[in-house]
Amino acid sequence: MILTNQFKIAKTQNLESSYIERELSKFGLQPLRWAIVDVTDTHYILTVSYKS
């Protein structure tokens, strides 16, 4: 089954896709796709699709 949920990760000065994928792996995820949908002063909010 493929699920889609939102996750919050810490903001960084050097934003790269490898940083985002590394942070998502800390949630135990292997994302199929992700998108940044919001940015706060301290975090990125991502919508992530992944296999459960």
PDB file of N, CA and C in Angstrom:
ATOM      1  N   MET A   1       0.841  -1.169   0.000  1.00  0.00           N
ATOM      2  CA  MET A   1       0.000   0.000   0.000  1.00  0.00           C
ATOM      3  C   MET A   1       0.893   1.240   0.000  1.00  0.00           C
ATOM      4  N   ILE A   2       0.493   2.244  -0.747  1.00  0.00           N
ATOM      5  CA  ILE A   2       1.218   3.513  -0.780  1.00  0.00           C
ATOM      6  C   ILE A   2       0.457   4.524   0.070  1.00  0.00           C
ATOM      7  N   LEU A   3       1.171   5.139   1.001  1.00  0.00           N
ATOM      8  CA  LEU A   3       0.602   6.151   1.888  1.00  0.00           C
ATOM      9  C   LEU A   3       1.192   7.510   1.567  1.00  0.00           C
ATOM     10  N   THR A   4       0.448   8.557   1.895  1.00  0.00           N
ATOM     11  CA  THR A   4       0.926   9.925   1.759  1.00  0.00           C
ATOM     12  C   THR A   4       0.626  10.663   3.058  1.00  0.00           C
ATOM     13  N   ASN A   5       1.671  11.248   3.658  1.00  0.00           N
ATOM     14  CA  ASN A   5       1.528  11.995   4.904  1.00  0.00           C
ATOM     15  C   ASN A   5       2.456  13.197   4.890  1.00  0.00           C
ATOM     16  N   GLN A   6       2.229  14.097   5.845  1.00  0.00           N
ATOM     17  CA  GLN A   6       3.110  15.251   5.992  1.00  0.00           C
ATOM     18  C   GLN A   6       4.103  14.996   7.119  1.00  0.00           C
ATOM     19  N   PHE A   7       5.330  15.481   6.907  1.00  0.00           N
ATOM     20  CA  PHE A   7       6.399  15.371   7.887  1.00  0.00           C
ATOM     21  C   PHE A   7       7.082  16.718   8.014  1.00  0.00           C
ATOM     22  N   LYS A   8       7.625  16.971   9.205  1.00  0.00           N
ATOM     23  CA  LYS A   8       8.320  18.225   9.486  1.00  0.00           C
ATOM     24  C   LYS A   8       9.786  17.887   9.747  1.00  0.00           C
ATOM     25  N   ILE A   9      10.695  18.583   9.030  1.00  0.00           N
ATOM     26  CA  ILE A   9      12.121  18.387   9.261  1.00  0.00           C
ATOM     27  C   ILE A   9      12.760  19.747   9.512  1.00  0.00           C
ATOM     28  N   ALA A  10      13.884  19.713  10.213  1.00  0.00           N
ATOM     29  CA  ALA A  10      14.578  20.952  10.565  1.00  0.00           C
ATOM     30  C   ALA A  10      15.101  21.659   9.318  1.00  0.00           C
ATOM     31  N   LYS A  11      15.016  22.964   9.342  1.00  0.00           N
ATOM     32  CA  LYS A  11      15.510  23.796   8.250  1.00  0.00           C
ATOM     33  C   LYS A  11      17.028  23.819   8.285  1.00  0.00           C
ATOM     34  N   THR A  12      17.654  23.897   7.102  1.00  0.00           N
ATOM     35  CA  THR A  12      19.104  23.947   6.983  1.00  0.00           C
ATOM     36  C   THR A  12      19.505  25.081   6.045  1.00  0.00           C
ATOM     37  N   GLN A  13      20.723  25.560   6.199  1.00  0.00           N
ATOM     38  CA  GLN A  13      21.222  26.617   5.317  1.00  0.00           C
ATOM     39  C   GLN A  13      21.546  26.083   3.926  1.00  0.00           C
ATOM     40  N   ASN A  14      21.958  24.804   3.850  1.00  0.00           N
ATOM     41  CA  ASN A  14      22.382  24.209   2.587  1.00  0.00           C
ATOM     42  C   ASN A  14      21.377  23.135   2.169  1.00  0.00           C
ATOM     43  N   LEU A  15      20.278  23.559   1.570  1.00  0.00           N
ATOM     44  CA  LEU A  15      19.203  22.634   1.218  1.00  0.00           C
ATOM     45  C   LEU A  15      19.567  21.844  -0.037  1.00  0.00           C
ATOM     46  N   GLU A  16      19.591  20.521   0.128  1.00  0.00           N
ATOM     47  CA  GLU A  16      19.829  19.602  -0.988  1.00  0.00           C
ATOM     48  C   GLU A  16      18.877  18.423  -0.826  1.00  0.00           C
ATOM     49  N   SER A  17      18.554  17.775  -1.924  1.00  0.00           N
ATOM     50  CA  SER A  17      17.649  16.624  -1.851  1.00  0.00           C
ATOM     51  C   SER A  17      18.230  15.515  -0.983  1.00  0.00           C
ATOM     52  N   SER A  18      19.552  15.357  -0.976  1.00  0.00           N
ATOM     53  CA  SER A  18      20.166  14.321  -0.139  1.00  0.00           C
ATOM     54  C   SER A  18      19.914  14.592   1.346  1.00  0.00           C
ATOM     55  N   TYR A  19      19.894  15.870   1.750  1.00  0.00           N
ATOM     56  CA  TYR A  19      19.584  16.219   3.144  1.00  0.00           C
ATOM     57  C   TYR A  19      18.158  15.785   3.487  1.00  0.00           C
ATOM     58  N   ILE A  20      17.215  16.102   2.609  1.00  0.00           N
ATOM     59  CA  ILE A  20      15.820  15.761   2.863  1.00  0.00           C
ATOM     60  C   ILE A  20      15.642  14.247   2.931  1.00  0.00           C
ATOM     61  N   GLU A  21      16.235  13.514   2.014  1.00  0.00           N
ATOM     62  CA  GLU A  21      16.099  12.059   2.019  1.00  0.00           C
ATOM     63  C   GLU A  21      16.755  11.443   3.254  1.00  0.00           C
ATOM     64  N   ARG A  22      17.874  12.004   3.703  1.00  0.00           N
ATOM     65  CA  ARG A  22      18.536  11.533   4.928  1.00  0.00           C
ATOM     66  C   ARG A  22      17.628  11.762   6.139  1.00  0.00           C
ATOM     67  N   GLU A  23      17.014  12.943   6.216  1.00  0.00           N
ATOM     68  CA  GLU A  23      16.112  13.249   7.329  1.00  0.00           C
ATOM     69  C   GLU A  23      14.877  12.353   7.302  1.00  0.00           C
ATOM     70  N   LEU A  24      14.330  12.081   6.134  1.00  0.00           N
ATOM     71  CA  LEU A  24      13.165  11.207   6.035  1.00  0.00           C
ATOM     72  C   LEU A  24      13.508   9.776   6.430  1.00  0.00           C
ATOM     73  N   SER A  25      14.738   9.357   6.174  1.00  0.00           N
ATOM     74  CA  SER A  25      15.140   8.001   6.568  1.00  0.00           C
ATOM     75  C   SER A  25      15.135   7.850   8.085  1.00  0.00           C
ATOM     76  N   LYS A  26      15.287   8.952   8.817  1.00  0.00           N
ATOM     77  CA  LYS A  26      15.217   8.909  10.283  1.00  0.00           C
ATOM     78  C   LYS A  26      13.816   8.534  10.766  1.00  0.00           C
ATOM     79  N   PHE A  27      12.805   8.745   9.907  1.00  0.00           N
ATOM     80  CA  PHE A  27      11.432   8.326  10.213  1.00  0.00           C
ATOM     81  C   PHE A  27      11.201   6.886   9.759  1.00  0.00           C
ATOM     82  N   GLY A  28      12.228   6.250   9.194  1.00  0.00           N
ATOM     83  CA  GLY A  28      12.099   4.888   8.688  1.00  0.00           C
ATOM     84  C   GLY A  28      11.442   4.835   7.317  1.00  0.00           C
ATOM     85  N   LEU A  29      11.529   5.934   6.573  1.00  0.00           N
ATOM     86  CA  LEU A  29      10.863   6.020   5.273  1.00  0.00           C
ATOM     87  C   LEU A  29      11.845   5.851   4.121  1.00  0.00           C
ATOM     88  N   GLN A  30      11.354   5.224   3.066  1.00  0.00           N
ATOM     89  CA  GLN A  30      12.021   5.213   1.782  1.00  0.00           C
ATOM     90  C   GLN A  30      11.029   5.848   0.810  1.00  0.00           C
ATOM     91  N   PRO A  31      11.106   7.167   0.659  1.00  0.00           N
ATOM     92  CA  PRO A  31      10.063   7.872  -0.092  1.00  0.00           C
ATOM     93  C   PRO A  31      10.059   7.535  -1.577  1.00  0.00           C
ATOM     94  N   LEU A  32       8.847   7.445  -2.127  1.00  0.00           N
ATOM     95  CA  LEU A  32       8.674   7.319  -3.572  1.00  0.00           C
ATOM     96  C   LEU A  32       8.758   8.702  -4.214  1.00  0.00           C
ATOM     97  N   ARG A  33       8.166   9.662  -3.499  1.00  0.00           N
ATOM     98  CA  ARG A  33       8.290  11.069  -3.912  1.00  0.00           C
ATOM     99  C   ARG A  33       7.960  11.957  -2.732  1.00  0.00           C
ATOM    100  N   TRP A  34       8.477  13.167  -2.788  1.00  0.00           N
ATOM    101  CA  TRP A  34       8.228  14.137  -1.728  1.00  0.00           C
ATOM    102  C   TRP A  34       8.196  15.529  -2.340  1.00  0.00           C
ATOM    103  N   ALA A  35       7.569  16.454  -1.622  1.00  0.00           N
ATOM    104  CA  ALA A  35       7.503  17.846  -2.048  1.00  0.00           C
ATOM    105  C   ALA A  35       7.469  18.727  -0.808  1.00  0.00           C
ATOM    106  N   ILE A  36       8.180  19.826  -0.868  1.00  0.00           N
ATOM    107  CA  ILE A  36       8.100  20.823   0.200  1.00  0.00           C
ATOM    108  C   ILE A  36       6.823  21.617  -0.038  1.00  0.00           C
ATOM    109  N   VAL A  37       5.933  21.593   0.946  1.00  0.00           N
ATOM    110  CA  VAL A  37       4.646  22.271   0.782  1.00  0.00           C
ATOM    111  C   VAL A  37       4.515  23.519   1.643  1.00  0.00           C
ATOM    112  N   ASP A  38       5.425  23.688   2.613  1.00  0.00           N
ATOM    113  CA  ASP A  38       5.402  24.879   3.456  1.00  0.00           C
ATOM    114  C   ASP A  38       6.772  25.043   4.104  1.00  0.00           C
ATOM    115  N   VAL A  39       7.089  26.273   4.472  1.00  0.00           N
ATOM    116  CA  VAL A  39       8.350  26.584   5.145  1.00  0.00           C
ATOM    117  C   VAL A  39       8.049  27.519   6.304  1.00  0.00           C
ATOM    118  N   THR A  40       8.549  27.153   7.497  1.00  0.00           N
ATOM    119  CA  THR A  40       8.428  28.034   8.658  1.00  0.00           C
ATOM    120  C   THR A  40       9.813  28.615   8.951  1.00  0.00           C
ATOM    121  N   ASP A  41       9.934  29.351  10.026  1.00  0.00           N
ATOM    122  CA  ASP A  41      11.232  29.906  10.394  1.00  0.00           C
ATOM    123  C   ASP A  41      12.258  28.819  10.704  1.00  0.00           C
ATOM    124  N   THR A  42      11.791  27.678  11.190  1.00  0.00           N
ATOM    125  CA  THR A  42      12.718  26.637  11.656  1.00  0.00           C
ATOM    126  C   THR A  42      12.567  25.276  10.974  1.00  0.00           C
ATOM    127  N   HIS A  43      11.491  25.085  10.170  1.00  0.00           N
ATOM    128  CA  HIS A  43      11.226  23.759   9.596  1.00  0.00           C
ATOM    129  C   HIS A  43      10.740  23.830   8.156  1.00  0.00           C
ATOM    130  N   TYR A  44      10.944  22.698   7.445  1.00  0.00           N
ATOM    131  CA  TYR A  44      10.301  22.444   6.167  1.00  0.00           C
ATOM    132  C   TYR A  44       9.167  21.459   6.430  1.00  0.00           C
ATOM    133  N   ILE A  45       8.022  21.693   5.817  1.00  0.00           N
ATOM    134  CA  ILE A  45       6.908  20.769   5.896  1.00  0.00           C
ATOM    135  C   ILE A  45       6.841  20.082   4.524  1.00  0.00           C
ATOM    136  N   LEU A  46       6.900  18.746   4.568  1.00  0.00           N
ATOM    137  CA  LEU A  46       6.924  17.973   3.335  1.00  0.00           C
ATOM    138  C   LEU A  46       5.713  17.050   3.259  1.00  0.00           C
ATOM    139  N   THR A  47       5.194  16.878   2.058  1.00  0.00           N
ATOM    140  CA  THR A  47       4.235  15.826   1.792  1.00  0.00           C
ATOM    141  C   THR A  47       5.034  14.702   1.151  1.00  0.00           C
ATOM    142  N   VAL A  48       4.902  13.496   1.724  1.00  0.00           N
ATOM    143  CA  VAL A  48       5.736  12.376   1.315  1.00  0.00           C
ATOM    144  C   VAL A  48       4.852  11.179   0.983  1.00  0.00           C
ATOM    145  N   SER A  49       5.104  10.556  -0.170  1.00  0.00           N
ATOM    146  CA  SER A  49       4.467   9.296  -0.536  1.00  0.00           C
ATOM    147  C   SER A  49       5.485   8.184  -0.358  1.00  0.00           C
ATOM    148  N   TYR A  50       5.053   7.073   0.266  1.00  0.00           N
ATOM    149  CA  TYR A  50       5.961   5.971   0.581  1.00  0.00           C
ATOM    150  C   TYR A  50       5.178   4.666   0.702  1.00  0.00           C
ATOM    151  N   LYS A  51       5.870   3.543   0.559  1.00  0.00           N
ATOM    152  CA  LYS A  51       5.241   2.249   0.735  1.00  0.00           C
ATOM    153  C   LYS A  51       5.180   1.894   2.209  1.00  0.00           C
ATOM    154  N   SER A  52       4.049   1.308   2.608  1.00  0.00           N
ATOM    155  CA  SER A  52       3.942   0.893   4.017  1.00  0.00           C
ATOM    156  C   SER A  52       4.252  -0.585   4.172  1.00  0.00           C
TER     157      SER A  52
END
